[in-house]
Amino acid sequence: MSEGVPTEQELREALAKIKVSDVLFETMQGLASLGYHRLDPETRDLEQTRLAIEALKAIGGVLDGVVPADLTRDFNQVVANLQLAYASAAAESS
């Protein structure tokens, strides 16, 4: 194989180390970023922000008790802040 390209065995070993909870946590970070991005007046899409909020709440519920409590608390705060920002943007759009 080419230098720098992982072998199939290396990929299998790396995949074996990944936890679903880690992937979900990374997904939550991405969703929060996208949700806030969709609140910007230039890229505003309230439906997409609402979808991000609902997904964050669902994934957060799944991770509750699986990830450290401080991470759960921090993400609950992110969701609450995003909900407030959404409500503010929705009021501006009315």
PDB file of N, CA and C in Angstrom:
ATOM      1  N   MET A   1       0.827  -1.194   0.000  1.00  0.00           N
ATOM      2  CA  MET A   1       0.000   0.000   0.000  1.00  0.00           C
ATOM      3  C   MET A   1       0.870   1.256   0.000  1.00  0.00           C
ATOM      4  N   SER A   2       0.268   2.351  -0.386  1.00  0.00           N
ATOM      5  CA  SER A   2       0.984   3.620  -0.414  1.00  0.00           C
ATOM      6  C   SER A   2       1.261   4.099   0.994  1.00  0.00           C
ATOM      7  N   GLU A   3       2.352   4.807   1.120  1.00  0.00           N
ATOM      8  CA  GLU A   3       2.711   5.361   2.421  1.00  0.00           C
ATOM      9  C   GLU A   3       1.642   6.365   2.851  1.00  0.00           C
ATOM     10  N   GLY A   4       1.229   6.297   4.089  1.00  0.00           N
ATOM     11  CA  GLY A   4       0.228   7.223   4.608  1.00  0.00           C
ATOM     12  C   GLY A   4      -1.191   6.717   4.456  1.00  0.00           C
ATOM     13  N   VAL A   5      -1.415   5.701   3.640  1.00  0.00           N
ATOM     14  CA  VAL A   5      -2.742   5.126   3.470  1.00  0.00           C
ATOM     15  C   VAL A   5      -2.864   3.955   4.438  1.00  0.00           C
ATOM     16  N   PRO A   6      -3.845   4.001   5.332  1.00  0.00           N
ATOM     17  CA  PRO A   6      -3.961   2.918   6.317  1.00  0.00           C
ATOM     18  C   PRO A   6      -4.373   1.598   5.661  1.00  0.00           C
ATOM     19  N   THR A   7      -3.899   0.534   6.246  1.00  0.00           N
ATOM     20  CA  THR A   7      -4.289  -0.793   5.764  1.00  0.00           C
ATOM     21  C   THR A   7      -5.683  -1.115   6.285  1.00  0.00           C
ATOM     22  N   GLU A   8      -6.264  -2.151   5.738  1.00  0.00           N
ATOM     23  CA  GLU A   8      -7.585  -2.581   6.194  1.00  0.00           C
ATOM     24  C   GLU A   8      -7.534  -2.948   7.678  1.00  0.00           C
ATOM     25  N   GLN A   9      -6.482  -3.612   8.091  1.00  0.00           N
ATOM     26  CA  GLN A   9      -6.331  -3.993   9.499  1.00  0.00           C
ATOM     27  C   GLN A   9      -6.254  -2.760  10.393  1.00  0.00           C
ATOM     28  N   GLU A  10      -5.502  -1.758   9.964  1.00  0.00           N
ATOM     29  CA  GLU A  10      -5.393  -0.521  10.744  1.00  0.00           C
ATOM     30  C   GLU A  10      -6.745   0.170  10.857  1.00  0.00           C
ATOM     31  N   LEU A  11      -7.503   0.157   9.770  1.00  0.00           N
ATOM     32  CA  LEU A  11      -8.843   0.749   9.804  1.00  0.00           C
ATOM     33  C   LEU A  11      -9.757  -0.014  10.755  1.00  0.00           C
ATOM     34  N   ARG A  12      -9.673  -1.324  10.722  1.00  0.00           N
ATOM     35  CA  ARG A  12     -10.489  -2.145  11.633  1.00  0.00           C
ATOM     36  C   ARG A  12     -10.130  -1.867  13.099  1.00  0.00           C
ATOM     37  N   GLU A  13      -8.840  -1.751  13.366  1.00  0.00           N
ATOM     38  CA  GLU A  13      -8.401  -1.466  14.741  1.00  0.00           C
ATOM     39  C   GLU A  13      -8.866  -0.085  15.194  1.00  0.00           C
ATOM     40  N   ALA A  14      -8.784   0.889  14.294  1.00  0.00           N
ATOM     41  CA  ALA A  14      -9.235   2.242  14.643  1.00  0.00           C
ATOM     42  C   ALA A  14     -10.735   2.252  14.886  1.00  0.00           C
ATOM     43  N   LEU A  15     -11.484   1.556  14.048  1.00  0.00           N
ATOM     44  CA  LEU A  15     -12.937   1.496  14.191  1.00  0.00           C
ATOM     45  C   LEU A  15     -13.334   0.814  15.500  1.00  0.00           C
ATOM     46  N   ALA A  16     -12.565  -0.175  15.902  1.00  0.00           N
ATOM     47  CA  ALA A  16     -12.858  -0.892  17.140  1.00  0.00           C
ATOM     48  C   ALA A  16     -12.715   0.011  18.368  1.00  0.00           C
ATOM     49  N   LYS A  17     -11.931   1.069  18.253  1.00  0.00           N
ATOM     50  CA  LYS A  17     -11.699   1.977  19.375  1.00  0.00           C
ATOM     51  C   LYS A  17     -12.760   3.080  19.495  1.00  0.00           C
ATOM     52  N   ILE A  18     -13.516   3.300  18.425  1.00  0.00           N
ATOM     53  CA  ILE A  18     -14.491   4.391  18.424  1.00  0.00           C
ATOM     54  C   ILE A  18     -15.740   3.969  19.176  1.00  0.00           C
ATOM     55  N   LYS A  19     -16.194   4.837  20.068  1.00  0.00           N
ATOM     56  CA  LYS A  19     -17.427   4.585  20.810  1.00  0.00           C
ATOM     57  C   LYS A  19     -18.570   5.337  20.139  1.00  0.00           C
ATOM     58  N   VAL A  20     -19.736   4.736  20.147  1.00  0.00           N
ATOM     59  CA  VAL A  20     -20.924   5.394  19.607  1.00  0.00           C
ATOM     60  C   VAL A  20     -21.167   6.701  20.362  1.00  0.00           C
ATOM     61  N   SER A  21     -20.944   6.692  21.666  1.00  0.00           N
ATOM     62  CA  SER A  21     -21.158   7.908  22.455  1.00  0.00           C
ATOM     63  C   SER A  21     -20.250   9.043  21.983  1.00  0.00           C
ATOM     64  N   ASP A  22     -19.029   8.712  21.566  1.00  0.00           N
ATOM     65  CA  ASP A  22     -18.117   9.739  21.046  1.00  0.00           C
ATOM     66  C   ASP A  22     -18.637  10.331  19.734  1.00  0.00           C
ATOM     67  N   VAL A  23     -19.152   9.466  18.863  1.00  0.00           N
ATOM     68  CA  VAL A  23     -19.693   9.933  17.592  1.00  0.00           C
ATOM     69  C   VAL A  23     -20.921  10.808  17.840  1.00  0.00           C
ATOM     70  N   LEU A  24     -21.780  10.393  18.761  1.00  0.00           N
ATOM     71  CA  LEU A  24     -22.968  11.190  19.080  1.00  0.00           C
ATOM     72  C   LEU A  24     -22.588  12.543  19.668  1.00  0.00           C
ATOM     73  N   PHE A  25     -21.572  12.557  20.508  1.00  0.00           N
ATOM     74  CA  PHE A  25     -21.102  13.810  21.093  1.00  0.00           C
ATOM     75  C   PHE A  25     -20.599  14.749  19.999  1.00  0.00           C
ATOM     76  N   GLU A  26     -19.808  14.221  19.076  1.00  0.00           N
ATOM     77  CA  GLU A  26     -19.313  15.027  17.953  1.00  0.00           C
ATOM     78  C   GLU A  26     -20.472  15.518  17.090  1.00  0.00           C
ATOM     79  N   THR A  27     -21.455  14.663  16.902  1.00  0.00           N
ATOM     80  CA  THR A  27     -22.643  15.044  16.131  1.00  0.00           C
ATOM     81  C   THR A  27     -23.368  16.198  16.806  1.00  0.00           C
ATOM     82  N   MET A  28     -23.473  16.142  18.123  1.00  0.00           N
ATOM     83  CA  MET A  28     -24.133  17.226  18.852  1.00  0.00           C
ATOM     84  C   MET A  28     -23.385  18.546  18.672  1.00  0.00           C
ATOM     85  N   GLN A  29     -22.076  18.484  18.684  1.00  0.00           N
ATOM     86  CA  GLN A  29     -21.301  19.709  18.481  1.00  0.00           C
ATOM     87  C   GLN A  29     -21.580  20.295  17.102  1.00  0.00           C
ATOM     88  N   GLY A  30     -21.622  19.452  16.110  1.00  0.00           N
ATOM     89  CA  GLY A  30     -21.909  19.908  14.755  1.00  0.00           C
ATOM     90  C   GLY A  30     -23.316  20.468  14.623  1.00  0.00           C
ATOM     91  N   LEU A  31     -24.284  19.797  15.228  1.00  0.00           N
ATOM     92  CA  LEU A  31     -25.668  20.272  15.179  1.00  0.00           C
ATOM     93  C   LEU A  31     -25.827  21.624  15.855  1.00  0.00           C
ATOM     94  N   ALA A  32     -25.160  21.798  16.982  1.00  0.00           N
ATOM     95  CA  ALA A  32     -25.234  23.087  17.679  1.00  0.00           C
ATOM     96  C   ALA A  32     -24.648  24.196  16.806  1.00  0.00           C
ATOM     97  N   SER A  33     -23.525  23.930  16.183  1.00  0.00           N
ATOM     98  CA  SER A  33     -22.902  24.919  15.298  1.00  0.00           C
ATOM     99  C   SER A  33     -23.806  25.250  14.122  1.00  0.00           C
ATOM    100  N   LEU A  34     -24.373  24.228  13.499  1.00  0.00           N
ATOM    101  CA  LEU A  34     -25.279  24.461  12.373  1.00  0.00           C
ATOM    102  C   LEU A  34     -26.532  25.213  12.807  1.00  0.00           C
ATOM    103  N   GLY A  35     -27.053  24.853  13.959  1.00  0.00           N
ATOM    104  CA  GLY A  35     -28.244  25.538  14.462  1.00  0.00           C
ATOM    105  C   GLY A  35     -28.001  27.019  14.649  1.00  0.00           C
ATOM    106  N   TYR A  36     -26.879  27.366  15.247  1.00  0.00           N
ATOM    107  CA  TYR A  36     -26.540  28.784  15.427  1.00  0.00           C
ATOM    108  C   TYR A  36     -26.266  29.456  14.080  1.00  0.00           C
ATOM    109  N   HIS A  37     -25.611  28.746  13.181  1.00  0.00           N
ATOM    110  CA  HIS A  37     -25.320  29.323  11.864  1.00  0.00           C
ATOM    111  C   HIS A  37     -26.616  29.673  11.135  1.00  0.00           C
ATOM    112  N   ARG A  38     -27.625  28.849  11.282  1.00  0.00           N
ATOM    113  CA  ARG A  38     -28.898  29.079  10.606  1.00  0.00           C
ATOM    114  C   ARG A  38     -29.732  30.180  11.263  1.00  0.00           C
ATOM    115  N   LEU A  39     -29.249  30.726  12.343  1.00  0.00           N
ATOM    116  CA  LEU A  39     -29.910  31.879  12.964  1.00  0.00           C
ATOM    117  C   LEU A  39     -29.345  33.200  12.455  1.00  0.00           C
ATOM    118  N   ASP A  40     -28.170  33.148  11.857  1.00  0.00           N
ATOM    119  CA  ASP A  40     -27.553  34.359  11.313  1.00  0.00           C
ATOM    120  C   ASP A  40     -28.486  34.934  10.246  1.00  0.00           C
ATOM    121  N   PRO A  41     -28.707  36.244  10.262  1.00  0.00           N
ATOM    122  CA  PRO A  41     -29.618  36.838   9.273  1.00  0.00           C
ATOM    123  C   PRO A  41     -29.276  36.491   7.818  1.00  0.00           C
ATOM    124  N   GLU A  42     -28.010  36.330   7.498  1.00  0.00           N
ATOM    125  CA  GLU A  42     -27.613  36.021   6.120  1.00  0.00           C
ATOM    126  C   GLU A  42     -27.887  34.572   5.727  1.00  0.00           C
ATOM    127  N   THR A  43     -27.953  33.689   6.705  1.00  0.00           N
ATOM    128  CA  THR A  43     -28.175  32.268   6.423  1.00  0.00           C
ATOM    129  C   THR A  43     -29.392  31.731   7.185  1.00  0.00           C
ATOM    130  N   ARG A  44     -30.285  32.628   7.581  1.00  0.00           N
ATOM    131  CA  ARG A  44     -31.410  32.244   8.449  1.00  0.00           C
ATOM    132  C   ARG A  44     -32.308  31.199   7.798  1.00  0.00           C
ATOM    133  N   ASP A  45     -32.529  30.149   8.563  1.00  0.00           N
ATOM    134  CA  ASP A  45     -33.469  29.095   8.193  1.00  0.00           C
ATOM    135  C   ASP A  45     -33.990  28.530   9.505  1.00  0.00           C
ATOM    136  N   LEU A  46     -35.102  29.095   9.966  1.00  0.00           N
ATOM    137  CA  LEU A  46     -35.624  28.729  11.286  1.00  0.00           C
ATOM    138  C   LEU A  46     -36.045  27.264  11.354  1.00  0.00           C
ATOM    139  N   GLU A  47     -36.526  26.716  10.243  1.00  0.00           N
ATOM    140  CA  GLU A  47     -36.904  25.305  10.246  1.00  0.00           C
ATOM    141  C   GLU A  47     -35.683  24.416  10.491  1.00  0.00           C
ATOM    142  N   GLN A  48     -34.559  24.764   9.890  1.00  0.00           N
ATOM    143  CA  GLN A  48     -33.335  24.000  10.107  1.00  0.00           C
ATOM    144  C   GLN A  48     -32.848  24.144  11.548  1.00  0.00           C
ATOM    145  N   THR A  49     -32.987  25.338  12.114  1.00  0.00           N
ATOM    146  CA  THR A  49     -32.596  25.537  13.511  1.00  0.00           C
ATOM    147  C   THR A  49     -33.491  24.719  14.430  1.00  0.00           C
ATOM    148  N   ARG A  50     -34.800  24.728  14.145  1.00  0.00           N
ATOM    149  CA  ARG A  50     -35.734  23.939  14.954  1.00  0.00           C
ATOM    150  C   ARG A  50     -35.372  22.459  14.885  1.00  0.00           C
ATOM    151  N   LEU A  51     -35.026  21.995  13.700  1.00  0.00           N
ATOM    152  CA  LEU A  51     -34.640  20.599  13.521  1.00  0.00           C
ATOM    153  C   LEU A  51     -33.371  20.282  14.314  1.00  0.00           C
ATOM    154  N   ALA A  52     -32.417  21.193  14.302  1.00  0.00           N
ATOM    155  CA  ALA A  52     -31.183  21.005  15.085  1.00  0.00           C
ATOM    156  C   ALA A  52     -31.507  20.917  16.570  1.00  0.00           C
ATOM    157  N   ILE A  53     -32.392  21.781  17.052  1.00  0.00           N
ATOM    158  CA  ILE A  53     -32.774  21.770  18.471  1.00  0.00           C
ATOM    159  C   ILE A  53     -33.410  20.438  18.840  1.00  0.00           C
ATOM    160  N   GLU A  54     -34.342  19.977  18.019  1.00  0.00           N
ATOM    161  CA  GLU A  54     -35.017  18.709  18.314  1.00  0.00           C
ATOM    162  C   GLU A  54     -34.042  17.543  18.291  1.00  0.00           C
ATOM    163  N   ALA A  55     -33.126  17.542  17.349  1.00  0.00           N
ATOM    164  CA  ALA A  55     -32.117  16.473  17.277  1.00  0.00           C
ATOM    165  C   ALA A  55     -31.197  16.515  18.493  1.00  0.00           C
ATOM    166  N   LEU A  56     -30.791  17.724  18.889  1.00  0.00           N
ATOM    167  CA  LEU A  56     -29.944  17.865  20.077  1.00  0.00           C
ATOM    168  C   LEU A  56     -30.643  17.322  21.317  1.00  0.00           C
ATOM    169  N   LYS A  57     -31.920  17.630  21.451  1.00  0.00           N
ATOM    170  CA  LYS A  57     -32.666  17.137  22.615  1.00  0.00           C
ATOM    171  C   LYS A  57     -32.761  15.614  22.594  1.00  0.00           C
ATOM    172  N   ALA A  58     -32.996  15.051  21.424  1.00  0.00           N
ATOM    173  CA  ALA A  58     -33.111  13.594  21.315  1.00  0.00           C
ATOM    174  C   ALA A  58     -31.785  12.908  21.628  1.00  0.00           C
ATOM    175  N   ILE A  59     -30.718  13.382  21.023  1.00  0.00           N
ATOM    176  CA  ILE A  59     -29.412  12.766  21.259  1.00  0.00           C
ATOM    177  C   ILE A  59     -28.977  12.976  22.703  1.00  0.00           C
ATOM    178  N   GLY A  60     -29.247  14.162  23.239  1.00  0.00           N
ATOM    179  CA  GLY A  60     -28.908  14.429  24.635  1.00  0.00           C
ATOM    180  C   GLY A  60     -29.591  13.458  25.578  1.00  0.00           C
ATOM    181  N   GLY A  61     -30.847  13.130  25.280  1.00  0.00           N
ATOM    182  CA  GLY A  61     -31.574  12.167  26.108  1.00  0.00           C
ATOM    183  C   GLY A  61     -30.950  10.785  26.064  1.00  0.00           C
ATOM    184  N   VAL A  62     -30.458  10.404  24.904  1.00  0.00           N
ATOM    185  CA  VAL A  62     -29.809   9.099  24.745  1.00  0.00           C
ATOM    186  C   VAL A  62     -28.491   9.055  25.515  1.00  0.00           C
ATOM    187  N   LEU A  63     -27.780  10.172  25.523  1.00  0.00           N
ATOM    188  CA  LEU A  63     -26.456  10.210  26.164  1.00  0.00           C
ATOM    189  C   LEU A  63     -26.532  10.448  27.672  1.00  0.00           C
ATOM    190  N   ASP A  64     -27.691  10.838  28.166  1.00  0.00           N
ATOM    191  CA  ASP A  64     -27.849  11.090  29.596  1.00  0.00           C
ATOM    192  C   ASP A  64     -27.507   9.829  30.386  1.00  0.00           C
ATOM    193  N   GLY A  65     -26.547   9.948  31.274  1.00  0.00           N
ATOM    194  CA  GLY A  65     -26.104   8.812  32.071  1.00  0.00           C
ATOM    195  C   GLY A  65     -25.000   8.002  31.415  1.00  0.00           C
ATOM    196  N   VAL A  66     -24.694   8.311  30.148  1.00  0.00           N
ATOM    197  CA  VAL A  66     -23.647   7.590  29.427  1.00  0.00           C
ATOM    198  C   VAL A  66     -22.356   8.398  29.395  1.00  0.00           C
ATOM    199  N   VAL A  67     -22.495   9.698  29.215  1.00  0.00           N
ATOM    200  CA  VAL A  67     -21.327  10.587  29.207  1.00  0.00           C
ATOM    201  C   VAL A  67     -21.258  11.284  30.562  1.00  0.00           C
ATOM    202  N   PRO A  68     -20.121  11.850  30.896  1.00  0.00           N
ATOM    203  CA  PRO A  68     -20.006  12.538  32.189  1.00  0.00           C
ATOM    204  C   PRO A  68     -21.078  13.617  32.371  1.00  0.00           C
ATOM    205  N   ALA A  69     -21.520  13.766  33.605  1.00  0.00           N
ATOM    206  CA  ALA A  69     -22.603  14.695  33.933  1.00  0.00           C
ATOM    207  C   ALA A  69     -22.283  16.131  33.528  1.00  0.00           C
ATOM    208  N   ASP A  70     -21.016  16.529  33.600  1.00  0.00           N
ATOM    209  CA  ASP A  70     -20.680  17.898  33.216  1.00  0.00           C
ATOM    210  C   ASP A  70     -20.899  18.131  31.721  1.00  0.00           C
ATOM    211  N   LEU A  71     -20.657  17.121  30.893  1.00  0.00           N
ATOM    212  CA  LEU A  71     -20.932  17.264  29.466  1.00  0.00           C
ATOM    213  C   LEU A  71     -22.428  17.360  29.202  1.00  0.00           C
ATOM    214  N   THR A  72     -23.197  16.540  29.898  1.00  0.00           N
ATOM    215  CA  THR A  72     -24.655  16.596  29.770  1.00  0.00           C
ATOM    216  C   THR A  72     -25.160  17.968  30.174  1.00  0.00           C
ATOM    217  N   ARG A  73     -24.666  18.482  31.278  1.00  0.00           N
ATOM    218  CA  ARG A  73     -25.079  19.803  31.753  1.00  0.00           C
ATOM    219  C   ARG A  73     -24.719  20.884  30.748  1.00  0.00           C
ATOM    220  N   ASP A  74     -23.513  20.828  30.229  1.00  0.00           N
ATOM    221  CA  ASP A  74     -23.066  21.828  29.260  1.00  0.00           C
ATOM    222  C   ASP A  74     -23.918  21.790  27.996  1.00  0.00           C
ATOM    223  N   PHE A  75     -24.222  20.608  27.501  1.00  0.00           N
ATOM    224  CA  PHE A  75     -25.028  20.536  26.289  1.00  0.00           C
ATOM    225  C   PHE A  75     -26.471  20.916  26.536  1.00  0.00           C
ATOM    226  N   ASN A  76     -26.989  20.620  27.701  1.00  0.00           N
ATOM    227  CA  ASN A  76     -28.335  21.091  28.033  1.00  0.00           C
ATOM    228  C   ASN A  76     -28.379  22.615  28.017  1.00  0.00           C
ATOM    229  N   GLN A  77     -27.306  23.242  28.477  1.00  0.00           N
ATOM    230  CA  GLN A  77     -27.226  24.701  28.453  1.00  0.00           C
ATOM    231  C   GLN A  77     -27.140  25.217  27.024  1.00  0.00           C
ATOM    232  N   VAL A  78     -26.378  24.531  26.183  1.00  0.00           N
ATOM    233  CA  VAL A  78     -26.286  24.908  24.765  1.00  0.00           C
ATOM    234  C   VAL A  78     -27.670  24.839  24.115  1.00  0.00           C
ATOM    235  N   VAL A  79     -28.403  23.768  24.385  1.00  0.00           N
ATOM    236  CA  VAL A  79     -29.746  23.615  23.814  1.00  0.00           C
ATOM    237  C   VAL A  79     -30.658  24.734  24.312  1.00  0.00           C
ATOM    238  N   ALA A  80     -30.605  25.031  25.593  1.00  0.00           N
ATOM    239  CA  ALA A  80     -31.439  26.104  26.144  1.00  0.00           C
ATOM    240  C   ALA A  80     -31.094  27.444  25.499  1.00  0.00           C
ATOM    241  N   ASN A  81     -29.822  27.725  25.345  1.00  0.00           N
ATOM    242  CA  ASN A  81     -29.398  28.982  24.714  1.00  0.00           C
ATOM    243  C   ASN A  81     -29.832  29.034  23.249  1.00  0.00           C
ATOM    244  N   LEU A  82     -29.720  27.918  22.560  1.00  0.00           N
ATOM    245  CA  LEU A  82     -30.139  27.867  21.167  1.00  0.00           C
ATOM    246  C   LEU A  82     -31.653  28.065  21.050  1.00  0.00           C
ATOM    247  N   GLN A  83     -32.408  27.498  21.977  1.00  0.00           N
ATOM    248  CA  GLN A  83     -33.859  27.687  21.976  1.00  0.00           C
ATOM    249  C   GLN A  83     -34.215  29.159  22.187  1.00  0.00           C
ATOM    250  N   LEU A  84     -33.522  29.806  23.093  1.00  0.00           N
ATOM    251  CA  LEU A  84     -33.774  31.233  23.328  1.00  0.00           C
ATOM    252  C   LEU A  84     -33.427  32.068  22.098  1.00  0.00           C
ATOM    253  N   ALA A  85     -32.305  31.765  21.471  1.00  0.00           N
ATOM    254  CA  ALA A  85     -31.904  32.484  20.270  1.00  0.00           C
ATOM    255  C   ALA A  85     -32.905  32.229  19.134  1.00  0.00           C
ATOM    256  N   TYR A  86     -33.402  31.011  19.043  1.00  0.00           N
ATOM    257  CA  TYR A  86     -34.413  30.665  18.044  1.00  0.00           C
ATOM    258  C   TYR A  86     -35.676  31.481  18.271  1.00  0.00           C
ATOM    259  N   ALA A  87     -36.120  31.529  19.515  1.00  0.00           N
ATOM    260  CA  ALA A  87     -37.337  32.280  19.830  1.00  0.00           C
ATOM    261  C   ALA A  87     -37.168  33.767  19.486  1.00  0.00           C
ATOM    262  N   SER A  88     -36.009  34.293  19.772  1.00  0.00           N
ATOM    263  CA  SER A  88     -35.724  35.693  19.450  1.00  0.00           C
ATOM    264  C   SER A  88     -35.737  35.916  17.940  1.00  0.00           C
ATOM    265  N   ALA A  89     -35.110  35.023  17.188  1.00  0.00           N
ATOM    266  CA  ALA A  89     -35.081  35.146  15.734  1.00  0.00           C
ATOM    267  C   ALA A  89     -36.474  34.979  15.144  1.00  0.00           C
ATOM    268  N   ALA A  90     -37.249  34.080  15.708  1.00  0.00           N
ATOM    269  CA  ALA A  90     -38.620  33.869  15.217  1.00  0.00           C
ATOM    270  C   ALA A  90     -39.467  35.123  15.459  1.00  0.00           C
ATOM    271  N   ALA A  91     -39.265  35.770  16.595  1.00  0.00           N
ATOM    272  CA  ALA A  91     -40.010  36.993  16.904  1.00  0.00           C
ATOM    273  C   ALA A  91     -39.619  38.112  15.939  1.00  0.00           C
ATOM    274  N   GLU A  92     -38.336  38.187  15.582  1.00  0.00           N
ATOM    275  CA  GLU A  92     -37.864  39.196  14.618  1.00  0.00           C
ATOM    276  C   GLU A  92     -38.478  38.956  13.247  1.00  0.00           C
ATOM    277  N   SER A  93     -38.660  37.708  12.889  1.00  0.00           N
ATOM    278  CA  SER A  93     -39.173  37.348  11.561  1.00  0.00           C
ATOM    279  C   SER A  93     -40.674  37.587  11.440  1.00  0.00           C
ATOM    280  N   SER A  94     -41.353  37.721  12.563  1.00  0.00           N
ATOM    281  CA  SER A  94     -42.817  37.894  12.535  1.00  0.00           C
ATOM    282  C   SER A  94     -43.231  39.278  12.155  1.00  0.00           C
TER     283      SER A  94
END
